[in-house]
């Protein structure tokens, strides 16, 4: 029975150490960071030919002689895609979706192998030239 005060003191000392360690860890821990939601996936613009086929029609696209498609840079948001187009024999320049190439001529759609131009209400299709390597 002479050891009860020593055992009690030891248990209380351990409890005091645990309590001090717990409160110290709470005080020195960094603030929690805010969690942001992942950005929504980019939606691809529907192809004009797919929409026309769905409604029972076909895309009436004629081939243009004034413009030459020399390259296409497709990005995930299609609005940021670029088409390299040479107009009237001039050097090719990059154009974005809905950009005006010449007065009355706008880029309507950019795909991997072709570009659709809107010229005075008519749709013109520019094909990317095929290279054989």
N, C-alpha and C. Protein backbone atom coordinates (compact mmCIF):
# COMPACT_ATOMS: atom_id res chain seq x y z
N UNK A 1 0.79 -1.18 0.00
CA UNK A 1 0.00 0.00 0.00
C UNK A 1 0.85 1.26 0.00
N UNK A 2 2.12 1.11 0.25
CA UNK A 2 2.96 2.28 0.26
C UNK A 2 3.23 2.77 -1.18
N UNK A 3 2.95 1.94 -2.17
CA UNK A 3 3.26 2.31 -3.57
C UNK A 3 2.10 3.00 -4.26
N UNK A 4 0.91 3.03 -3.69
CA UNK A 4 -0.24 3.64 -4.36
C UNK A 4 0.00 5.12 -4.69
N UNK A 5 0.55 5.90 -3.83
CA UNK A 5 0.79 7.30 -4.20
C UNK A 5 1.79 7.42 -5.35
N UNK A 6 2.81 6.58 -5.41
CA UNK A 6 3.80 6.63 -6.50
C UNK A 6 3.17 6.18 -7.82
N UNK A 7 2.35 5.14 -7.80
CA UNK A 7 1.68 4.66 -9.02
C UNK A 7 0.69 5.70 -9.52
N UNK A 8 -0.06 6.29 -8.59
CA UNK A 8 -1.03 7.31 -8.96
C UNK A 8 -0.32 8.53 -9.55
N UNK A 9 0.76 8.93 -8.96
CA UNK A 9 1.54 10.06 -9.47
C UNK A 9 2.09 9.76 -10.86
N UNK A 10 2.57 8.54 -11.07
CA UNK A 10 3.09 8.15 -12.39
C UNK A 10 1.98 8.18 -13.45
N UNK A 11 0.80 7.64 -13.13
CA UNK A 11 -0.32 7.63 -14.07
C UNK A 11 -0.77 9.05 -14.38
N UNK A 12 -0.85 9.90 -13.36
CA UNK A 12 -1.23 11.29 -13.59
C UNK A 12 -0.16 12.03 -14.42
N UNK A 13 1.12 11.71 -14.21
CA UNK A 13 2.19 12.32 -15.01
C UNK A 13 2.07 11.89 -16.48
N UNK A 14 1.78 10.62 -16.76
CA UNK A 14 1.60 10.14 -18.13
C UNK A 14 0.39 10.83 -18.76
N UNK A 15 -0.72 10.98 -18.01
CA UNK A 15 -1.90 11.67 -18.52
C UNK A 15 -1.58 13.12 -18.84
N UNK A 16 -0.80 13.77 -17.98
CA UNK A 16 -0.39 15.15 -18.23
C UNK A 16 0.46 15.24 -19.50
N UNK A 17 1.37 14.32 -19.71
CA UNK A 17 2.23 14.32 -20.92
C UNK A 17 1.38 14.11 -22.18
N UNK A 18 0.42 13.19 -22.12
CA UNK A 18 -0.45 12.94 -23.27
C UNK A 18 -1.29 14.18 -23.57
N UNK A 19 -1.82 14.81 -22.54
CA UNK A 19 -2.63 16.01 -22.73
C UNK A 19 -1.80 17.15 -23.32
N UNK A 20 -0.60 17.37 -22.83
CA UNK A 20 0.27 18.43 -23.34
C UNK A 20 0.66 18.13 -24.80
N UNK A 21 0.96 16.89 -25.12
CA UNK A 21 1.31 16.53 -26.50
C UNK A 21 0.11 16.74 -27.43
N UNK A 22 -1.07 16.38 -26.99
CA UNK A 22 -2.27 16.55 -27.82
C UNK A 22 -2.52 18.02 -28.11
N UNK A 23 -2.53 18.85 -27.08
CA UNK A 23 -2.82 20.27 -27.29
C UNK A 23 -1.70 20.97 -28.06
N UNK A 24 -0.47 20.55 -27.89
CA UNK A 24 0.63 21.13 -28.67
C UNK A 24 0.47 20.80 -30.14
N UNK A 25 0.09 19.56 -30.47
CA UNK A 25 -0.11 19.18 -31.87
C UNK A 25 -1.27 19.95 -32.48
N UNK A 26 -2.33 20.20 -31.71
CA UNK A 26 -3.45 20.98 -32.22
C UNK A 26 -3.05 22.43 -32.50
N UNK A 27 -2.21 22.99 -31.67
CA UNK A 27 -1.82 24.39 -31.83
C UNK A 27 -0.83 24.62 -32.96
N UNK A 28 0.05 23.66 -33.24
CA UNK A 28 1.08 23.90 -34.25
C UNK A 28 0.76 23.30 -35.62
N UNK A 29 -0.36 22.62 -35.76
CA UNK A 29 -0.67 22.03 -37.06
C UNK A 29 -1.04 23.13 -38.06
N UNK A 30 -0.72 22.95 -39.36
CA UNK A 30 -1.06 23.96 -40.36
C UNK A 30 -2.57 24.02 -40.59
N UNK A 31 -3.00 25.17 -41.14
CA UNK A 31 -4.42 25.33 -41.43
C UNK A 31 -4.81 24.41 -42.58
N UNK A 32 -6.02 23.87 -42.55
CA UNK A 32 -6.44 22.99 -43.66
C UNK A 32 -6.59 23.79 -44.95
N UNK A 33 -6.19 23.18 -46.05
CA UNK A 33 -6.30 23.82 -47.36
C UNK A 33 -7.70 23.64 -47.93
N UNK A 34 -8.11 24.63 -48.70
CA UNK A 34 -9.41 24.53 -49.36
C UNK A 34 -9.30 23.56 -50.53
N UNK A 35 -10.31 22.77 -50.73
CA UNK A 35 -10.33 21.79 -51.80
C UNK A 35 -11.22 22.32 -52.92
N UNK A 36 -10.65 22.40 -54.11
CA UNK A 36 -11.41 22.87 -55.26
C UNK A 36 -11.94 21.69 -56.03
N UNK A 37 -13.10 21.88 -56.60
CA UNK A 37 -13.69 20.84 -57.44
C UNK A 37 -12.93 20.78 -58.76
N UNK A 38 -12.88 19.62 -59.35
CA UNK A 38 -12.23 19.45 -60.64
C UNK A 38 -13.01 20.22 -61.70
N UNK A 39 -12.29 20.80 -62.68
CA UNK A 39 -13.02 21.53 -63.72
C UNK A 39 -13.88 20.58 -64.55
N UNK A 40 -15.02 21.06 -65.01
CA UNK A 40 -15.88 20.18 -65.81
C UNK A 40 -15.21 19.84 -67.13
N UNK A 41 -15.45 18.66 -67.66
CA UNK A 41 -14.82 18.29 -68.93
C UNK A 41 -15.34 19.17 -70.06
N UNK A 42 -14.45 19.50 -70.96
CA UNK A 42 -14.83 20.35 -72.10
C UNK A 42 -15.72 19.56 -73.03
N UNK A 43 -16.76 20.20 -73.49
CA UNK A 43 -17.68 19.54 -74.40
C UNK A 43 -17.30 19.89 -75.83
N UNK A 44 -17.26 18.88 -76.65
CA UNK A 44 -16.94 19.09 -78.05
C UNK A 44 -18.17 19.67 -78.75
N UNK A 45 -17.93 20.59 -79.67
CA UNK A 45 -19.04 21.15 -80.44
C UNK A 45 -19.56 20.09 -81.41
N UNK A 46 -20.85 20.03 -81.59
CA UNK A 46 -21.39 19.01 -82.50
C UNK A 46 -21.00 19.31 -83.94
N UNK A 47 -20.75 18.27 -84.70
CA UNK A 47 -20.40 18.45 -86.10
C UNK A 47 -21.65 18.83 -86.88
N UNK A 48 -21.46 19.71 -87.82
CA UNK A 48 -22.57 20.18 -88.63
C UNK A 48 -23.16 19.04 -89.46
N UNK A 49 -22.29 18.16 -89.95
CA UNK A 49 -22.78 17.05 -90.77
C UNK A 49 -23.60 16.07 -89.93
N UNK A 50 -23.23 15.87 -88.65
CA UNK A 50 -23.99 14.97 -87.78
C UNK A 50 -25.36 15.56 -87.48
N UNK A 51 -25.42 16.86 -87.26
CA UNK A 51 -26.71 17.50 -87.00
C UNK A 51 -27.60 17.42 -88.23
N UNK A 52 -27.03 17.62 -89.39
CA UNK A 52 -27.82 17.55 -90.62
C UNK A 52 -28.33 16.12 -90.85
N UNK A 53 -27.50 15.11 -90.59
CA UNK A 53 -27.92 13.73 -90.77
C UNK A 53 -29.02 13.36 -89.78
N UNK A 54 -28.95 13.93 -88.58
CA UNK A 54 -29.97 13.66 -87.58
C UNK A 54 -31.33 14.21 -88.01
N UNK A 55 -31.32 15.33 -88.69
CA UNK A 55 -32.56 15.95 -89.13
C UNK A 55 -32.97 15.52 -90.53
N UNK A 56 -32.26 14.57 -91.11
CA UNK A 56 -32.65 14.03 -92.40
C UNK A 56 -32.09 14.78 -93.59
N UNK A 57 -31.16 15.64 -93.39
CA UNK A 57 -30.59 16.40 -94.50
C UNK A 57 -29.12 16.07 -94.70
N UNK A 58 -28.51 16.72 -95.62
CA UNK A 58 -27.08 16.58 -95.86
C UNK A 58 -26.46 17.97 -95.91
N UNK A 59 -25.20 18.03 -95.64
CA UNK A 59 -24.50 19.31 -95.69
C UNK A 59 -24.11 19.58 -97.13
N UNK A 60 -24.58 20.67 -97.64
CA UNK A 60 -24.24 21.07 -99.00
C UNK A 60 -23.01 21.96 -98.93
N UNK A 61 -21.86 21.37 -99.06
CA UNK A 61 -20.63 22.12 -98.98
C UNK A 61 -19.92 22.07 -100.31
N UNK A 62 -19.59 23.23 -100.82
CA UNK A 62 -18.86 23.26 -102.08
C UNK A 62 -17.39 23.52 -101.79
N UNK A 63 -16.55 23.20 -102.74
CA UNK A 63 -15.12 23.36 -102.58
C UNK A 63 -14.73 24.74 -103.07
N UNK A 64 -13.93 25.42 -102.27
CA UNK A 64 -13.54 26.78 -102.60
C UNK A 64 -12.23 26.79 -103.37
N UNK A 65 -12.11 27.74 -104.30
CA UNK A 65 -10.88 27.88 -105.07
C UNK A 65 -10.02 29.04 -104.56
N UNK A 66 -10.62 29.98 -103.81
CA UNK A 66 -9.88 31.14 -103.34
C UNK A 66 -9.02 30.83 -102.12
N UNK A 67 -9.36 29.81 -101.37
CA UNK A 67 -8.70 29.52 -100.12
C UNK A 67 -8.01 28.16 -100.18
N UNK A 68 -6.87 28.08 -99.48
CA UNK A 68 -6.14 26.81 -99.40
C UNK A 68 -5.83 26.53 -97.94
N UNK A 69 -6.27 25.38 -97.46
CA UNK A 69 -6.02 24.97 -96.09
C UNK A 69 -4.65 24.30 -96.04
N UNK A 70 -3.73 24.88 -95.26
CA UNK A 70 -2.38 24.33 -95.19
C UNK A 70 -2.11 23.59 -93.89
N UNK A 71 -2.93 23.83 -92.87
CA UNK A 71 -2.71 23.14 -91.61
C UNK A 71 -3.84 23.39 -90.63
N UNK A 72 -3.94 22.50 -89.65
CA UNK A 72 -4.96 22.62 -88.61
C UNK A 72 -4.32 22.29 -87.27
N UNK A 73 -4.62 23.11 -86.28
CA UNK A 73 -4.20 22.85 -84.91
C UNK A 73 -5.47 22.71 -84.09
N UNK A 74 -5.77 21.47 -83.67
CA UNK A 74 -7.00 21.20 -82.93
C UNK A 74 -6.67 21.18 -81.45
N UNK A 75 -7.42 21.96 -80.66
CA UNK A 75 -7.26 21.95 -79.22
C UNK A 75 -8.52 21.41 -78.58
N UNK A 76 -8.44 21.12 -77.29
CA UNK A 76 -9.58 20.49 -76.60
C UNK A 76 -10.80 21.39 -76.58
N UNK A 77 -10.76 22.63 -76.16
CA UNK A 77 -11.93 23.46 -76.44
C UNK A 77 -11.86 23.87 -77.91
N UNK A 78 -12.81 23.45 -78.70
CA UNK A 78 -12.74 23.69 -80.15
C UNK A 78 -12.70 25.17 -80.49
N UNK A 79 -13.15 26.02 -79.60
CA UNK A 79 -13.11 27.46 -79.87
C UNK A 79 -11.68 27.97 -79.94
N UNK A 80 -10.72 27.23 -79.40
CA UNK A 80 -9.32 27.64 -79.44
C UNK A 80 -8.54 26.95 -80.56
N UNK A 81 -9.20 26.17 -81.39
CA UNK A 81 -8.53 25.52 -82.51
C UNK A 81 -8.15 26.55 -83.56
N UNK A 82 -7.10 26.25 -84.30
CA UNK A 82 -6.62 27.17 -85.34
C UNK A 82 -6.61 26.46 -86.68
N UNK A 83 -6.88 27.24 -87.73
CA UNK A 83 -6.77 26.75 -89.10
C UNK A 83 -5.81 27.66 -89.84
N UNK A 84 -4.82 27.08 -90.49
CA UNK A 84 -3.87 27.84 -91.28
C UNK A 84 -4.40 27.91 -92.71
N UNK A 85 -4.82 29.10 -93.12
CA UNK A 85 -5.48 29.26 -94.41
C UNK A 85 -4.76 30.33 -95.21
N UNK A 86 -4.47 29.97 -96.48
CA UNK A 86 -3.90 30.93 -97.42
C UNK A 86 -5.05 31.44 -98.29
N UNK A 87 -5.23 32.75 -98.34
CA UNK A 87 -6.33 33.34 -99.10
C UNK A 87 -5.78 34.10 -100.30
N UNK A 88 -6.31 33.81 -101.47
CA UNK A 88 -5.96 34.50 -102.72
C UNK A 88 -4.45 34.48 -103.00
N UNK A 89 -3.81 33.38 -102.75
CA UNK A 89 -2.39 33.23 -103.06
C UNK A 89 -1.45 33.88 -102.07
N UNK A 90 -1.95 34.49 -101.01
CA UNK A 90 -1.11 35.11 -99.98
C UNK A 90 -0.60 34.02 -99.03
N UNK A 91 0.43 34.33 -98.24
CA UNK A 91 0.92 33.33 -97.27
C UNK A 91 -0.17 32.94 -96.27
N UNK A 92 -0.06 31.73 -95.77
CA UNK A 92 -1.06 31.22 -94.83
C UNK A 92 -0.97 31.95 -93.50
N UNK A 93 -2.15 32.21 -92.92
CA UNK A 93 -2.25 32.85 -91.62
C UNK A 93 -3.15 32.01 -90.72
N UNK A 94 -2.92 32.04 -89.41
CA UNK A 94 -3.79 31.28 -88.50
C UNK A 94 -5.09 32.04 -88.24
N UNK A 95 -6.20 31.29 -88.22
CA UNK A 95 -7.51 31.85 -87.93
C UNK A 95 -8.21 30.97 -86.92
N UNK A 96 -8.91 31.58 -85.96
CA UNK A 96 -9.70 30.86 -84.96
C UNK A 96 -11.13 30.66 -85.46
N UNK A 97 -11.90 29.92 -84.69
CA UNK A 97 -13.30 29.69 -84.97
C UNK A 97 -14.03 31.03 -84.96
N UNK A 98 -14.92 31.26 -85.92
CA UNK A 98 -15.71 32.47 -86.11
C UNK A 98 -14.86 33.67 -86.52
N UNK A 99 -13.60 33.46 -86.89
CA UNK A 99 -12.76 34.56 -87.35
C UNK A 99 -13.12 34.90 -88.79
N UNK A 100 -12.92 36.16 -89.14
CA UNK A 100 -13.24 36.62 -90.49
C UNK A 100 -11.97 36.57 -91.33
N UNK A 101 -11.99 35.75 -92.38
CA UNK A 101 -10.84 35.61 -93.26
C UNK A 101 -10.81 36.78 -94.24
N UNK A 102 -11.92 37.00 -94.87
CA UNK A 102 -12.13 38.13 -95.77
C UNK A 102 -13.51 38.69 -95.43
N UNK A 103 -13.85 39.87 -95.91
CA UNK A 103 -15.19 40.39 -95.61
C UNK A 103 -16.28 39.41 -96.08
N UNK A 104 -17.10 38.98 -95.13
CA UNK A 104 -18.20 38.07 -95.44
C UNK A 104 -17.83 36.60 -95.38
N UNK A 105 -16.59 36.27 -95.06
CA UNK A 105 -16.14 34.87 -94.99
C UNK A 105 -15.68 34.58 -93.56
N UNK A 106 -16.38 33.65 -92.88
CA UNK A 106 -16.08 33.30 -91.50
C UNK A 106 -15.82 31.80 -91.39
N UNK A 107 -14.99 31.43 -90.42
CA UNK A 107 -14.76 30.01 -90.13
C UNK A 107 -15.91 29.53 -89.25
N UNK A 108 -16.62 28.52 -89.72
CA UNK A 108 -17.79 28.02 -88.99
C UNK A 108 -17.44 26.80 -88.14
N UNK A 109 -16.57 25.93 -88.64
CA UNK A 109 -16.26 24.70 -87.93
C UNK A 109 -14.83 24.28 -88.25
N UNK A 110 -14.09 23.83 -87.23
CA UNK A 110 -12.73 23.33 -87.41
C UNK A 110 -12.70 21.88 -86.94
N UNK A 111 -12.34 20.97 -87.82
CA UNK A 111 -12.21 19.55 -87.48
C UNK A 111 -10.77 19.12 -87.78
N UNK A 112 -10.47 17.85 -87.54
CA UNK A 112 -9.09 17.37 -87.72
C UNK A 112 -8.63 17.35 -89.17
N UNK A 113 -9.53 17.16 -90.11
CA UNK A 113 -9.11 17.04 -91.51
C UNK A 113 -9.74 18.06 -92.43
N UNK A 114 -10.63 18.88 -91.92
CA UNK A 114 -11.27 19.87 -92.78
C UNK A 114 -11.75 21.06 -91.96
N UNK A 115 -12.08 22.12 -92.70
CA UNK A 115 -12.61 23.35 -92.10
C UNK A 115 -13.83 23.75 -92.92
N UNK A 116 -14.90 24.18 -92.25
CA UNK A 116 -16.08 24.68 -92.94
C UNK A 116 -16.09 26.20 -92.84
N UNK A 117 -16.22 26.85 -94.01
CA UNK A 117 -16.29 28.30 -94.07
C UNK A 117 -17.71 28.71 -94.42
N UNK A 118 -18.15 29.81 -93.87
CA UNK A 118 -19.45 30.36 -94.23
C UNK A 118 -19.20 31.62 -95.06
N UNK A 119 -19.67 31.59 -96.28
CA UNK A 119 -19.43 32.69 -97.21
C UNK A 119 -20.78 33.14 -97.77
N UNK A 120 -21.26 34.27 -97.28
CA UNK A 120 -22.56 34.83 -97.69
C UNK A 120 -23.69 33.81 -97.53
N UNK A 121 -23.70 33.10 -96.42
CA UNK A 121 -24.76 32.14 -96.15
C UNK A 121 -24.51 30.76 -96.72
N UNK A 122 -23.51 30.58 -97.57
CA UNK A 122 -23.19 29.27 -98.14
C UNK A 122 -22.03 28.66 -97.37
N UNK A 123 -22.07 27.34 -97.23
CA UNK A 123 -21.02 26.63 -96.52
C UNK A 123 -20.02 26.09 -97.53
N UNK A 124 -18.75 26.38 -97.28
CA UNK A 124 -17.67 25.93 -98.14
C UNK A 124 -16.75 25.03 -97.30
N UNK A 125 -16.39 23.89 -97.84
CA UNK A 125 -15.54 22.94 -97.12
C UNK A 125 -14.13 22.99 -97.69
N UNK A 126 -13.16 23.19 -96.80
CA UNK A 126 -11.74 23.15 -97.18
C UNK A 126 -11.13 21.88 -96.59
N UNK A 127 -10.61 21.04 -97.46
CA UNK A 127 -9.99 19.78 -97.03
C UNK A 127 -8.50 20.01 -96.82
N UNK A 128 -7.96 19.33 -95.84
CA UNK A 128 -6.52 19.35 -95.60
C UNK A 128 -5.87 18.44 -96.63
N UNK A 129 -4.85 18.94 -97.35
CA UNK A 129 -4.22 18.10 -98.36
C UNK A 129 -3.57 16.87 -97.74
N UNK A 130 -3.71 15.74 -98.40
CA UNK A 130 -3.14 14.48 -97.92
C UNK A 130 -1.70 14.38 -98.42
N UNK A 131 -0.77 14.12 -97.51
CA UNK A 131 0.62 13.95 -97.91
C UNK A 131 0.99 12.49 -97.78
N UNK A 132 1.65 11.96 -98.79
CA UNK A 132 2.11 10.57 -98.78
C UNK A 132 3.57 10.55 -98.41
N UNK A 133 3.87 9.90 -97.31
CA UNK A 133 5.27 9.85 -96.87
C UNK A 133 5.80 8.46 -97.00
